[in-house]
Amino acid sequence: DLLYLLRSREHWPLLEMSANFYKVGVKAMPVTALVGFLIGVV
């Protein structure tokens, strides 16, 4: 699929990538910061 998308760049699912990046990245920052801070303190 990546080889196909490299030849047909207009078919890249950019909106889906952006939405998933926001869900798995930005929304995970609060819980990651909380657990990381507590682990550092311990």
Full PDB file with SEQRES, HELIX, SHEET, SSBOND, CRYST1, ORIGX, SCALE, CONECT and MASTER records, all heavy atoms in Angstrom:
SEQRES   1 A   42  ASP LEU LEU TYR LEU LEU ARG SER ARG GLU HIS TRP PRO          
SEQRES   2 A   42  LEU LEU GLU MET SER ALA ASN PHE TYR LYS VAL GLY VAL          
SEQRES   3 A   42  LYS ALA MET PRO VAL THR ALA LEU VAL GLY PHE LEU ILE          
SEQRES   4 A   42  GLY VAL VAL                                                  
HELIX    1 AA1 LEU A    2  ARG A    7  1                                   6    
HELIX    2 AA2 ARG A    9  HIS A   11  5                                   3    
HELIX    3 AA3 LEU A   14  PHE A   21  1                                   8    
HELIX    4 AA4 TYR A   22  VAL A   26  3                                   5    
HELIX    5 AA5 MET A   29  VAL A   41  1                                  13    
CRYST1    1.000    1.000    1.000  90.00  90.00  90.00 P 1           1          
ORIGX1      1.000000  0.000000  0.000000        0.00000                         
ORIGX2      0.000000  1.000000  0.000000        0.00000                         
ORIGX3      0.000000  0.000000  1.000000        0.00000                         
SCALE1      1.000000  0.000000  0.000000        0.00000                         
SCALE2      0.000000  1.000000  0.000000        0.00000                         
SCALE3      0.000000  0.000000  1.000000        0.00000                         
ATOM      1  N   ASP A   1       0.824  -1.208   0.000  1.00  0.00           N  
ATOM      2  CA  ASP A   1       0.000   0.000   0.000  1.00  0.00           C  
ATOM      3  C   ASP A   1       0.860   1.261   0.000  1.00  0.00           C  
ATOM      4  O   ASP A   1       0.522   2.253  -0.661  1.00  0.00           O  
ATOM      5  CB  ASP A   1      -0.934   0.001   1.214  1.00  0.00           C  
ATOM      6  CG  ASP A   1      -1.989  -1.088   1.126  1.00  0.00           C  
ATOM      7  OD1 ASP A   1      -2.312  -1.504  -0.004  1.00  0.00           O  
ATOM      8  OD2 ASP A   1      -2.480  -1.523   2.183  1.00  0.00           O  
ATOM      9  N   LEU A   2       1.978   1.228   0.726  1.00  0.00           N  
ATOM     10  CA  LEU A   2       2.873   2.390   0.729  1.00  0.00           C  
ATOM     11  C   LEU A   2       3.482   2.620  -0.647  1.00  0.00           C  
ATOM     12  O   LEU A   2       3.596   3.765  -1.107  1.00  0.00           O  
ATOM     13  CB  LEU A   2       3.973   2.191   1.770  1.00  0.00           C  
ATOM     14  CG  LEU A   2       3.575   2.396   3.229  1.00  0.00           C  
ATOM     15  CD1 LEU A   2       4.743   2.043   4.154  1.00  0.00           C  
ATOM     16  CD2 LEU A   2       3.142   3.843   3.468  1.00  0.00           C  
ATOM     17  N   LEU A   3       3.870   1.545  -1.320  1.00  0.00           N  
ATOM     18  CA  LEU A   3       4.395   1.695  -2.684  1.00  0.00           C  
ATOM     19  C   LEU A   3       3.339   2.262  -3.617  1.00  0.00           C  
ATOM     20  O   LEU A   3       3.636   3.116  -4.477  1.00  0.00           O  
ATOM     21  CB  LEU A   3       4.885   0.339  -3.197  1.00  0.00           C  
ATOM     22  CG  LEU A   3       6.113  -0.249  -2.493  1.00  0.00           C  
ATOM     23  CD1 LEU A   3       6.432  -1.632  -3.058  1.00  0.00           C  
ATOM     24  CD2 LEU A   3       7.310   0.679  -2.645  1.00  0.00           C  
ATOM     25  N   TYR A   4       2.110   1.821  -3.445  1.00  0.00           N  
ATOM     26  CA  TYR A   4       1.020   2.354  -4.270  1.00  0.00           C  
ATOM     27  C   TYR A   4       0.790   3.836  -3.984  1.00  0.00           C  
ATOM     28  O   TYR A   4       0.602   4.643  -4.907  1.00  0.00           O  
ATOM     29  CB  TYR A   4      -0.257   1.557  -4.011  1.00  0.00           C  
ATOM     30  CG  TYR A   4      -1.509   2.237  -4.504  1.00  0.00           C  
ATOM     31  CD1 TYR A   4      -1.817   2.285  -5.865  1.00  0.00           C  
ATOM     32  CD2 TYR A   4      -2.391   2.843  -3.601  1.00  0.00           C  
ATOM     33  CE1 TYR A   4      -2.960   2.916  -6.317  1.00  0.00           C  
ATOM     34  CE2 TYR A   4      -3.533   3.474  -4.041  1.00  0.00           C  
ATOM     35  CZ  TYR A   4      -3.814   3.506  -5.405  1.00  0.00           C  
ATOM     36  OH  TYR A   4      -4.941   4.147  -5.846  1.00  0.00           O  
ATOM     37  N   LEU A   5       0.830   4.217  -2.715  1.00  0.00           N  
ATOM     38  CA  LEU A   5       0.590   5.617  -2.356  1.00  0.00           C  
ATOM     39  C   LEU A   5       1.740   6.513  -2.793  1.00  0.00           C  
ATOM     40  O   LEU A   5       1.529   7.707  -3.068  1.00  0.00           O  
ATOM     41  CB  LEU A   5       0.376   5.737  -0.850  1.00  0.00           C  
ATOM     42  CG  LEU A   5      -0.914   5.106  -0.317  1.00  0.00           C  
ATOM     43  CD1 LEU A   5      -0.959   5.174   1.201  1.00  0.00           C  
ATOM     44  CD2 LEU A   5      -2.141   5.786  -0.911  1.00  0.00           C  
ATOM     45  N   LEU A   6       2.948   5.971  -2.860  1.00  0.00           N  
ATOM     46  CA  LEU A   6       4.069   6.775  -3.349  1.00  0.00           C  
ATOM     47  C   LEU A   6       3.906   7.105  -4.826  1.00  0.00           C  
ATOM     48  O   LEU A   6       4.369   8.165  -5.290  1.00  0.00           O  
ATOM     49  CB  LEU A   6       5.389   6.029  -3.124  1.00  0.00           C  
ATOM     50  CG  LEU A   6       5.848   5.913  -1.663  1.00  0.00           C  
ATOM     51  CD1 LEU A   6       7.120   5.082  -1.565  1.00  0.00           C  
ATOM     52  CD2 LEU A   6       6.068   7.302  -1.069  1.00  0.00           C  
ATOM     53  N   ARG A   7       3.246   6.223  -5.560  1.00  0.00           N  
ATOM     54  CA  ARG A   7       2.977   6.493  -6.983  1.00  0.00           C  
ATOM     55  C   ARG A   7       1.730   7.341  -7.170  1.00  0.00           C  
ATOM     56  O   ARG A   7       1.629   8.086  -8.146  1.00  0.00           O  
ATOM     57  CB  ARG A   7       2.830   5.174  -7.744  1.00  0.00           C  
ATOM     58  CG  ARG A   7       4.095   4.339  -7.789  1.00  0.00           C  
ATOM     59  CD  ARG A   7       3.983   3.246  -8.838  1.00  0.00           C  
ATOM     60  NE  ARG A   7       2.802   2.416  -8.619  1.00  0.00           N  
ATOM     61  CZ  ARG A   7       2.804   1.287  -7.933  1.00  0.00           C  
ATOM     62  NH1 ARG A   7       3.933   0.855  -7.368  1.00  0.00           N  
ATOM     63  NH2 ARG A   7       1.707   0.580  -7.797  1.00  0.00           N  
ATOM     64  N   SER A   8       0.775   7.210  -6.238  1.00  0.00           N  
ATOM     65  CA  SER A   8      -0.480   7.973  -6.328  1.00  0.00           C  
ATOM     66  C   SER A   8      -0.620   8.818  -5.075  1.00  0.00           C  
ATOM     67  O   SER A   8      -1.320   8.447  -4.119  1.00  0.00           O  
ATOM     68  CB  SER A   8      -1.674   7.025  -6.496  1.00  0.00           C  
ATOM     69  OG  SER A   8      -1.497   6.162  -7.604  1.00  0.00           O  
ATOM     70  N   ARG A   9       0.085   9.933  -5.043  1.00  0.00           N  
ATOM     71  CA  ARG A   9       0.136  10.739  -3.830  1.00  0.00           C  
ATOM     72  C   ARG A   9      -1.202  11.384  -3.499  1.00  0.00           C  
ATOM     73  O   ARG A   9      -1.444  11.766  -2.352  1.00  0.00           O  
ATOM     74  CB  ARG A   9       1.209  11.815  -3.977  1.00  0.00           C  
ATOM     75  CG  ARG A   9       2.611  11.237  -4.163  1.00  0.00           C  
ATOM     76  CD  ARG A   9       3.649  12.329  -4.274  1.00  0.00           C  
ATOM     77  NE  ARG A   9       4.987  11.761  -4.453  1.00  0.00           N  
ATOM     78  CZ  ARG A   9       6.085  12.485  -4.591  1.00  0.00           C  
ATOM     79  NH1 ARG A   9       6.019  13.819  -4.567  1.00  0.00           N  
ATOM     80  NH2 ARG A   9       7.253  11.899  -4.759  1.00  0.00           N  
ATOM     81  N   GLU A  10      -2.087  11.524  -4.470  1.00  0.00           N  
ATOM     82  CA  GLU A  10      -3.384  12.145  -4.184  1.00  0.00           C  
ATOM     83  C   GLU A  10      -4.297  11.232  -3.380  1.00  0.00           C  
ATOM     84  O   GLU A  10      -5.339  11.668  -2.876  1.00  0.00           O  
ATOM     85  CB  GLU A  10      -4.071  12.534  -5.490  1.00  0.00           C  
ATOM     86  CG  GLU A  10      -4.520  11.366  -6.375  1.00  0.00           C  
ATOM     87  CD  GLU A  10      -3.403  10.825  -7.252  1.00  0.00           C  
ATOM     88  OE1 GLU A  10      -2.268  11.321  -7.106  1.00  0.00           O  
ATOM     89  OE2 GLU A  10      -3.661   9.916  -8.060  1.00  0.00           O  
ATOM     90  N   HIS A  11      -3.935   9.963  -3.235  1.00  0.00           N  
ATOM     91  CA  HIS A  11      -4.760   9.015  -2.497  1.00  0.00           C  
ATOM     92  C   HIS A  11      -4.314   8.838  -1.045  1.00  0.00           C  
ATOM     93  O   HIS A  11      -4.843   7.958  -0.352  1.00  0.00           O  
ATOM     94  CB  HIS A  11      -4.751   7.652  -3.199  1.00  0.00           C  
ATOM     95  CG  HIS A  11      -5.420   7.678  -4.542  1.00  0.00           C  
ATOM     96  ND1 HIS A  11      -5.152   6.747  -5.522  1.00  0.00           N  
ATOM     97  CD2 HIS A  11      -6.340   8.532  -5.073  1.00  0.00           C  
ATOM     98  CE1 HIS A  11      -5.880   7.018  -6.603  1.00  0.00           C  
ATOM     99  NE2 HIS A  11      -6.598   8.096  -6.346  1.00  0.00           N  
ATOM    100  N   TRP A  12      -3.372   9.622  -0.594  1.00  0.00           N  
ATOM    101  CA  TRP A  12      -2.924   9.492   0.802  1.00  0.00           C  
ATOM    102  C   TRP A  12      -4.065   9.842   1.752  1.00  0.00           C  
ATOM    103  O   TRP A  12      -4.693  10.895   1.610  1.00  0.00           O  
ATOM    104  CB  TRP A  12      -1.743  10.422   1.062  1.00  0.00           C  
ATOM    105  CG  TRP A  12      -0.419   9.825   0.697  1.00  0.00           C  
ATOM    106  CD1 TRP A  12       0.179   9.866  -0.525  1.00  0.00           C  
ATOM    107  CD2 TRP A  12       0.451   9.091   1.559  1.00  0.00           C  
ATOM    108  NE1 TRP A  12       1.381   9.207  -0.495  1.00  0.00           N  
ATOM    109  CE2 TRP A  12       1.580   8.719   0.782  1.00  0.00           C  
ATOM    110  CE3 TRP A  12       0.396   8.720   2.897  1.00  0.00           C  
ATOM    111  CZ2 TRP A  12       2.632   7.988   1.296  1.00  0.00           C  
ATOM    112  CZ3 TRP A  12       1.448   7.989   3.424  1.00  0.00           C  
ATOM    113  CH2 TRP A  12       2.554   7.629   2.632  1.00  0.00           C  
ATOM    114  N   PRO A  13      -4.336   9.002   2.751  1.00  0.00           N  
ATOM    115  CA  PRO A  13      -5.412   9.307   3.721  1.00  0.00           C  
ATOM    116  C   PRO A  13      -4.931  10.288   4.794  1.00  0.00           C  
ATOM    117  O   PRO A  13      -4.793   9.947   5.972  1.00  0.00           O  
ATOM    118  CB  PRO A  13      -5.740   7.927   4.308  1.00  0.00           C  
ATOM    119  CG  PRO A  13      -4.452   7.175   4.216  1.00  0.00           C  
ATOM    120  CD  PRO A  13      -3.748   7.668   2.983  1.00  0.00           C  
ATOM    121  N   LEU A  14      -4.696  11.528   4.392  1.00  0.00           N  
ATOM    122  CA  LEU A  14      -4.115  12.510   5.307  1.00  0.00           C  
ATOM    123  C   LEU A  14      -5.083  12.871   6.436  1.00  0.00           C  
ATOM    124  O   LEU A  14      -4.664  13.088   7.575  1.00  0.00           O  
ATOM    125  CB  LEU A  14      -3.707  13.765   4.529  1.00  0.00           C  
ATOM    126  CG  LEU A  14      -2.618  13.547   3.455  1.00  0.00           C  
ATOM    127  CD1 LEU A  14      -2.319  14.855   2.735  1.00  0.00           C  
ATOM    128  CD2 LEU A  14      -1.353  12.990   4.092  1.00  0.00           C  
ATOM    129  N   LEU A  15      -6.371  12.985   6.116  1.00  0.00           N  
ATOM    130  CA  LEU A  15      -7.334  13.329   7.157  1.00  0.00           C  
ATOM    131  C   LEU A  15      -7.404  12.237   8.227  1.00  0.00           C  
ATOM    132  O   LEU A  15      -7.461  12.529   9.430  1.00  0.00           O  
ATOM    133  CB  LEU A  15      -8.715  13.560   6.542  1.00  0.00           C  
ATOM    134  CG  LEU A  15      -8.869  14.801   5.660  1.00  0.00           C  
ATOM    135  CD1 LEU A  15     -10.268  14.875   5.084  1.00  0.00           C  
ATOM    136  CD2 LEU A  15      -8.554  16.062   6.459  1.00  0.00           C  
ATOM    137  N   GLU A  16      -7.393  10.976   7.805  1.00  0.00           N  
ATOM    138  CA  GLU A  16      -7.417   9.874   8.765  1.00  0.00           C  
ATOM    139  C   GLU A  16      -6.145   9.852   9.607  1.00  0.00           C  
ATOM    140  O   GLU A  16      -6.197   9.606  10.821  1.00  0.00           O  
ATOM    141  CB  GLU A  16      -7.589   8.535   8.039  1.00  0.00           C  
ATOM    142  CG  GLU A  16      -8.961   8.332   7.414  1.00  0.00           C  
ATOM    143  CD  GLU A  16      -9.063   8.959   6.032  1.00  0.00           C  
ATOM    144  OE1 GLU A  16      -8.134   9.693   5.656  1.00  0.00           O  
ATOM    145  OE2 GLU A  16     -10.078   8.729   5.353  1.00  0.00           O  
ATOM    146  N   MET A  17      -4.999  10.128   8.983  1.00  0.00           N  
ATOM    147  CA  MET A  17      -3.746  10.170   9.737  1.00  0.00           C  
ATOM    148  C   MET A  17      -3.768  11.288  10.769  1.00  0.00           C  
ATOM    149  O   MET A  17      -3.348  11.109  11.915  1.00  0.00           O  
ATOM    150  CB  MET A  17      -2.567  10.352   8.780  1.00  0.00           C  
ATOM    151  CG  MET A  17      -2.277   9.172   7.886  1.00  0.00           C  
ATOM    152  SD  MET A  17      -0.874   9.478   6.813  1.00  0.00           S  
ATOM    153  CE  MET A  17      -0.866   7.974   5.836  1.00  0.00           C  
ATOM    154  N   SER A  18      -4.250  12.450  10.357  1.00  0.00           N  
ATOM    155  CA  SER A  18      -4.307  13.588  11.274  1.00  0.00           C  
ATOM    156  C   SER A  18      -5.240  13.297  12.451  1.00  0.00           C  
ATOM    157  O   SER A  18      -4.910  13.594  13.606  1.00  0.00           O  
ATOM    158  CB  SER A  18      -4.772  14.843  10.530  1.00  0.00           C  
ATOM    159  OG  SER A  18      -4.921  15.927  11.410  1.00  0.00           O  
ATOM    160  N   ALA A  19      -6.398  12.708  12.169  1.00  0.00           N  
ATOM    161  CA  ALA A  19      -7.348  12.393  13.242  1.00  0.00           C  
ATOM    162  C   ALA A  19      -6.768  11.359  14.204  1.00  0.00           C  
ATOM    163  O   ALA A  19      -6.892  11.496  15.429  1.00  0.00           O  
ATOM    164  CB  ALA A  19      -8.657  11.888  12.642  1.00  0.00           C  
ATOM    165  N   ASN A  20      -6.114  10.336  13.668  1.00  0.00           N  
ATOM    166  CA  ASN A  20      -5.515   9.322  14.536  1.00  0.00           C  
ATOM    167  C   ASN A  20      -4.340   9.883  15.329  1.00  0.00           C  
ATOM    168  O   ASN A  20      -4.141   9.519  16.490  1.00  0.00           O  
ATOM    169  CB  ASN A  20      -5.053   8.122  13.697  1.00  0.00           C  
ATOM    170  CG  ASN A  20      -6.186   7.189  13.321  1.00  0.00           C  
ATOM    171  OD1 ASN A  20      -6.599   6.346  14.100  1.00  0.00           O  
ATOM    172  ND2 ASN A  20      -6.707   7.354  12.121  1.00  0.00           N  
ATOM    173  N   PHE A  21      -3.556  10.775  14.720  1.00  0.00           N  
ATOM    174  CA  PHE A  21      -2.439  11.392  15.433  1.00  0.00           C  
ATOM    175  C   PHE A  21      -2.948  12.205  16.622  1.00  0.00           C  
ATOM    176  O   PHE A  21      -2.346  12.194  17.709  1.00  0.00           O  
ATOM    177  CB  PHE A  21      -1.647  12.285  14.475  1.00  0.00           C  
ATOM    178  CG  PHE A  21      -0.387  12.846  15.072  1.00  0.00           C  
ATOM    179  CD1 PHE A  21       0.803  12.144  14.996  1.00  0.00           C  
ATOM    180  CD2 PHE A  21      -0.383  14.068  15.708  1.00  0.00           C  
ATOM    181  CE1 PHE A  21       1.971  12.650  15.558  1.00  0.00           C  
ATOM    182  CE2 PHE A  21       0.761  14.593  16.271  1.00  0.00           C  
ATOM    183  CZ  PHE A  21       1.948  13.878  16.190  1.00  0.00           C  
ATOM    184  N   TYR A  22      -4.054  12.892  16.427  1.00  0.00           N  
ATOM    185  CA  TYR A  22      -4.620  13.678  17.520  1.00  0.00           C  
ATOM    186  C   TYR A  22      -5.124  12.769  18.643  1.00  0.00           C  
ATOM    187  O   TYR A  22      -4.908  13.042  19.831  1.00  0.00           O  
ATOM    188  CB  TYR A  22      -5.768  14.536  16.988  1.00  0.00           C  
ATOM    189  CG  TYR A  22      -6.520  15.292  18.061  1.00  0.00           C  
ATOM    190  CD1 TYR A  22      -5.970  16.416  18.661  1.00  0.00           C  
ATOM    191  CD2 TYR A  22      -7.776  14.871  18.481  1.00  0.00           C  
ATOM    192  CE1 TYR A  22      -6.645  17.107  19.652  1.00  0.00           C  
ATOM    193  CE2 TYR A  22      -8.465  15.552  19.471  1.00  0.00           C  
ATOM    194  CZ  TYR A  22      -7.895  16.669  20.048  1.00  0.00           C  
ATOM    195  OH  TYR A  22      -8.568  17.341  21.036  1.00  0.00           O  
ATOM    196  N   LYS A  23      -5.763  11.651  18.273  1.00  0.00           N  
ATOM    197  CA  LYS A  23      -6.328  10.757  19.284  1.00  0.00           C  
ATOM    198  C   LYS A  23      -5.252  10.013  20.057  1.00  0.00           C  
ATOM    199  O   LYS A  23      -5.354   9.879  21.282  1.00  0.00           O  
ATOM    200  CB  LYS A  23      -7.297   9.767  18.622  1.00  0.00           C  
ATOM    201  CG  LYS A  23      -8.603  10.399  18.174  1.00  0.00           C  
ATOM    202  CD  LYS A  23      -9.606   9.347  17.739  1.00  0.00           C  
ATOM    203  CE  LYS A  23      -9.166   8.643  16.473  1.00  0.00           C  
ATOM    204  NZ  LYS A  23     -10.218   7.716  15.976  1.00  0.00           N  
ATOM    205  N   VAL A  24      -4.231   9.521  19.360  1.00  0.00           N  
ATOM    206  CA  VAL A  24      -3.218   8.706  20.044  1.00  0.00           C  
ATOM    207  C   VAL A  24      -2.090   9.551  20.599  1.00  0.00           C  
ATOM    208  O   VAL A  24      -1.351   9.095  21.492  1.00  0.00           O  
ATOM    209  CB  VAL A  24      -2.635   7.638  19.087  1.00  0.00           C  
ATOM    210  CG1 VAL A  24      -3.732   6.756  18.544  1.00  0.00           C  
ATOM    211  CG2 VAL A  24      -1.847   8.278  17.953  1.00  0.00           C  
ATOM    212  N   GLY A  25      -1.917  10.781  20.109  1.00  0.00           N  
ATOM    213  CA  GLY A  25      -0.819  11.611  20.563  1.00  0.00           C  
ATOM    214  C   GLY A  25      -1.231  12.718  21.510  1.00  0.00           C  
ATOM    215  O   GLY A  25      -0.881  12.719  22.698  1.00  0.00           O  
ATOM    216  N   VAL A  26      -2.010  13.653  21.011  1.00  0.00           N  
ATOM    217  CA  VAL A  26      -2.367  14.830  21.811  1.00  0.00           C  
ATOM    218  C   VAL A  26      -3.213  14.430  23.010  1.00  0.00           C  
ATOM    219  O   VAL A  26      -2.987  14.884  24.138  1.00  0.00           O  
ATOM    220  CB  VAL A  26      -3.098  15.863  20.932  1.00  0.00           C  
ATOM    221  CG1 VAL A  26      -3.524  17.067  21.755  1.00  0.00           C  
ATOM    222  CG2 VAL A  26      -2.203  16.304  19.776  1.00  0.00           C  
ATOM    223  N   LYS A  27      -4.207  13.565  22.799  1.00  0.00           N  
ATOM    224  CA  LYS A  27      -5.090  13.182  23.900  1.00  0.00           C  
ATOM    225  C   LYS A  27      -4.398  12.320  24.950  1.00  0.00           C  
ATOM    226  O   LYS A  27      -4.908  12.191  26.065  1.00  0.00           O  
ATOM    227  CB  LYS A  27      -6.311  12.439  23.355  1.00  0.00           C  
ATOM    228  CG  LYS A  27      -7.322  13.351  22.680  1.00  0.00           C  
ATOM    229  CD  LYS A  27      -8.616  12.603  22.416  1.00  0.00           C  
ATOM    230  CE  LYS A  27      -9.703  13.557  21.934  1.00  0.00           C  
ATOM    231  NZ  LYS A  27     -10.991  12.859  21.735  1.00  0.00           N  
ATOM    232  N   ALA A  28      -3.261  11.733  24.607  1.00  0.00           N  
ATOM    233  CA  ALA A  28      -2.535  10.906  25.574  1.00  0.00           C  
ATOM    234  C   ALA A  28      -1.547  11.706  26.403  1.00  0.00           C  
ATOM    235  O   ALA A  28      -0.940  11.150  27.337  1.00  0.00           O  
ATOM    236  CB  ALA A  28      -1.802   9.784  24.844  1.00  0.00           C  
ATOM    237  N   MET A  29      -1.373  12.975  26.108  1.00  0.00           N  
ATOM    238  CA  MET A  29      -0.379  13.774  26.829  1.00  0.00           C  
ATOM    239  C   MET A  29      -0.711  13.968  28.308  1.00  0.00           C  
ATOM    240  O   MET A  29       0.186  13.864  29.158  1.00  0.00           O  
ATOM    241  CB  MET A  29      -0.195  15.126  26.137  1.00  0.00           C  
ATOM    242  CG  MET A  29       0.473  15.036  24.781  1.00  0.00           C  
ATOM    243  SD  MET A  29       0.643  16.645  23.962  1.00  0.00           S  
ATOM    244  CE  MET A  29       1.760  17.477  25.095  1.00  0.00           C  
ATOM    245  N   PRO A  30      -1.956  14.257  28.692  1.00  0.00           N  
ATOM    246  CA  PRO A  30      -2.222  14.453  30.130  1.00  0.00           C  
ATOM    247  C   PRO A  30      -1.909  13.234  30.986  1.00  0.00           C  
ATOM    248  O   PRO A  30      -1.229  13.347  32.016  1.00  0.00           O  
ATOM    249  CB  PRO A  30      -3.719  14.806  30.160  1.00  0.00           C  
ATOM    250  CG  PRO A  30      -4.012  15.349  28.807  1.00  0.00           C  
ATOM    251  CD  PRO A  30      -3.142  14.573  27.879  1.00  0.00           C  
ATOM    252  N   VAL A  31      -2.389  12.066  30.597  1.00  0.00           N  
ATOM    253  CA  VAL A  31      -2.151  10.876  31.412  1.00  0.00           C  
ATOM    254  C   VAL A  31      -0.674  10.493  31.389  1.00  0.00           C  
ATOM    255  O   VAL A  31      -0.118  10.040  32.403  1.00  0.00           O  
ATOM    256  CB  VAL A  31      -3.039   9.705  30.922  1.00  0.00           C  
ATOM    257  CG1 VAL A  31      -2.665   9.286  29.511  1.00  0.00           C  
ATOM    258  CG2 VAL A  31      -2.932   8.525  31.875  1.00  0.00           C  
ATOM    259  N   THR A  32       0.002  10.717  30.259  1.00  0.00           N  
ATOM    260  CA  THR A  32       1.437  10.440  30.192  1.00  0.00           C  
ATOM    261  C   THR A  32       2.215  11.356  31.125  1.00  0.00           C  
ATOM    262  O   THR A  32       3.145  10.924  31.820  1.00  0.00           O  
ATOM    263  CB  THR A  32       1.932  10.601  28.752  1.00  0.00           C  
ATOM    264  OG1 THR A  32       1.168   9.753  27.884  1.00  0.00           O  
ATOM    265  CG2 THR A  32       3.396  10.237  28.635  1.00  0.00           C  
ATOM    266  N   ALA A  33       1.838  12.636  31.156  1.00  0.00           N  
ATOM    267  CA  ALA A  33       2.517  13.588  32.032  1.00  0.00           C  
ATOM    268  C   ALA A  33       2.282  13.238  33.502  1.00  0.00           C  
ATOM    269  O   ALA A  33       3.217  13.285  34.320  1.00  0.00           O  
ATOM    270  CB  ALA A  33       2.035  15.005  31.732  1.00  0.00           C  
ATOM    271  N   LEU A  34       1.062  12.876  33.849  1.00  0.00           N  
ATOM    272  CA  LEU A  34       0.752  12.552  35.243  1.00  0.00           C  
ATOM    273  C   LEU A  34       1.544  11.342  35.715  1.00  0.00           C  
ATOM    274  O   LEU A  34       2.202  11.378  36.767  1.00  0.00           O  
ATOM    275  CB  LEU A  34      -0.746  12.299  35.387  1.00  0.00           C  
ATOM    276  CG  LEU A  34      -1.223  11.842  36.776  1.00  0.00           C  
ATOM    277  CD1 LEU A  34      -0.923  12.903  37.821  1.00  0.00           C  
ATOM    278  CD2 LEU A  34      -2.703  11.493  36.735  1.00  0.00           C  
ATOM    279  N   VAL A  35       1.499  10.256  34.936  1.00  0.00           N  
ATOM    280  CA  VAL A  35       2.215   9.042  35.333  1.00  0.00           C  
ATOM    281  C   VAL A  35       3.713   9.276  35.317  1.00  0.00           C  
ATOM    282  O   VAL A  35       4.439   8.830  36.222  1.00  0.00           O  
ATOM    283  CB  VAL A  35       1.820   7.881  34.403  1.00  0.00           C  
ATOM    284  CG1 VAL A  35       2.633   6.634  34.733  1.00  0.00           C  
ATOM    285  CG2 VAL A  35       0.335   7.582  34.519  1.00  0.00           C  
ATOM    286  N   GLY A  36       4.213   9.987  34.300  1.00  0.00           N  
ATOM    287  CA  GLY A  36       5.647  10.258  34.235  1.00  0.00           C  
ATOM    288  C   GLY A  36       6.134  11.073  35.415  1.00  0.00           C  
ATOM    289  O   GLY A  36       7.189  10.782  36.002  1.00  0.00           O  
ATOM    290  N   PHE A  37       5.391  12.099  35.795  1.00  0.00           N  
ATOM    291  CA  PHE A  37       5.789  12.929  36.938  1.00  0.00           C  
ATOM    292  C   PHE A  37       5.846  12.104  38.220  1.00  0.00           C  
ATOM    293  O   PHE A  37       6.800  12.202  39.000  1.00  0.00           O  
ATOM    294  CB  PHE A  37       4.814  14.092  37.092  1.00  0.00           C  
ATOM    295  CG  PHE A  37       5.138  15.019  38.218  1.00  0.00           C  
ATOM    296  CD1 PHE A  37       6.075  16.031  38.049  1.00  0.00           C  
ATOM    297  CD2 PHE A  37       4.524  14.889  39.456  1.00  0.00           C  
ATOM    298  CE1 PHE A  37       6.392  16.888  39.088  1.00  0.00           C  
ATOM    299  CE2 PHE A  37       4.824  15.738  40.502  1.00  0.00           C  
ATOM    300  CZ  PHE A  37       5.768  16.743  40.320  1.00  0.00           C  
ATOM    301  N   LEU A  38       4.846  11.271  38.443  1.00  0.00           N  
ATOM    302  CA  LEU A  38       4.823  10.453  39.654  1.00  0.00           C  
ATOM    303  C   LEU A  38       5.949   9.421  39.655  1.00  0.00           C  
ATOM    304  O   LEU A  38       6.563   9.165  40.698  1.00  0.00           O  
ATOM    305  CB  LEU A  38       3.466   9.760  39.787  1.00  0.00           C  
ATOM    306  CG  LEU A  38       2.264  10.691  39.981  1.00  0.00           C  
ATOM    307  CD1 LEU A  38       0.968   9.893  40.021  1.00  0.00           C  
ATOM    308  CD2 LEU A  38       2.421  11.516  41.247  1.00  0.00           C  
ATOM    309  N   ILE A  39       6.238   8.826  38.500  1.00  0.00           N  
ATOM    310  CA  ILE A  39       7.337   7.862  38.431  1.00  0.00           C  
ATOM    311  C   ILE A  39       8.663   8.557  38.711  1.00  0.00           C  
ATOM    312  O   ILE A  39       9.535   8.020  39.411  1.00  0.00           O  
ATOM    313  CB  ILE A  39       7.348   7.183  37.049  1.00  0.00           C  
ATOM    314  CG1 ILE A  39       6.139   6.253  36.912  1.00  0.00           C  
ATOM    315  CG2 ILE A  39       8.648   6.405  36.844  1.00  0.00           C  
ATOM    316  CD1 ILE A  39       6.138   5.088  37.857  1.00  0.00           C  
ATOM    317  N   GLY A  40       8.841   9.767  38.170  1.00  0.00           N  
ATOM    318  CA  GLY A  40      10.076  10.507  38.447  1.00  0.00           C  
ATOM    319  C   GLY A  40      10.230  10.825  39.919  1.00  0.00           C  
ATOM    320  O   GLY A  40      11.328  10.706  40.488  1.00  0.00           O  
ATOM    321  N   VAL A  41       9.141  11.214  40.562  1.00  0.00           N  
ATOM    322  CA  VAL A  41       9.194  11.516  41.996  1.00  0.00           C  
ATOM    323  C   VAL A  41       9.542  10.263  42.801  1.00  0.00           C  
ATOM    324  O   VAL A  41      10.383  10.295  43.714  1.00  0.00           O  
ATOM    325  CB  VAL A  41       7.850  12.113  42.459  1.00  0.00           C  
ATOM    326  CG1 VAL A  41       7.803  12.213  43.980  1.00  0.00           C  
ATOM    327  CG2 VAL A  41       7.635  13.490  41.835  1.00  0.00           C  
ATOM    328  N   VAL A  42       8.916   9.156  42.466  1.00  0.00           N  
ATOM    329  CA  VAL A  42       9.166   7.907  43.206  1.00  0.00           C  
ATOM    330  C   VAL A  42      10.606   7.445  43.012  1.00  0.00           C  
ATOM    331  O   VAL A  42      11.296   7.056  43.975  1.00  0.00           O  
ATOM    332  CB  VAL A  42       8.175   6.824  42.761  1.00  0.00           C  
ATOM    333  CG1 VAL A  42       8.546   5.473  43.348  1.00  0.00           C  
ATOM    334  CG2 VAL A  42       6.763   7.200  43.170  1.00  0.00           C  
TER     335      VAL A  42                                                      
MASTER        0    0    0    5    0    0    0    6  334    1    0    4          
END                                                                             
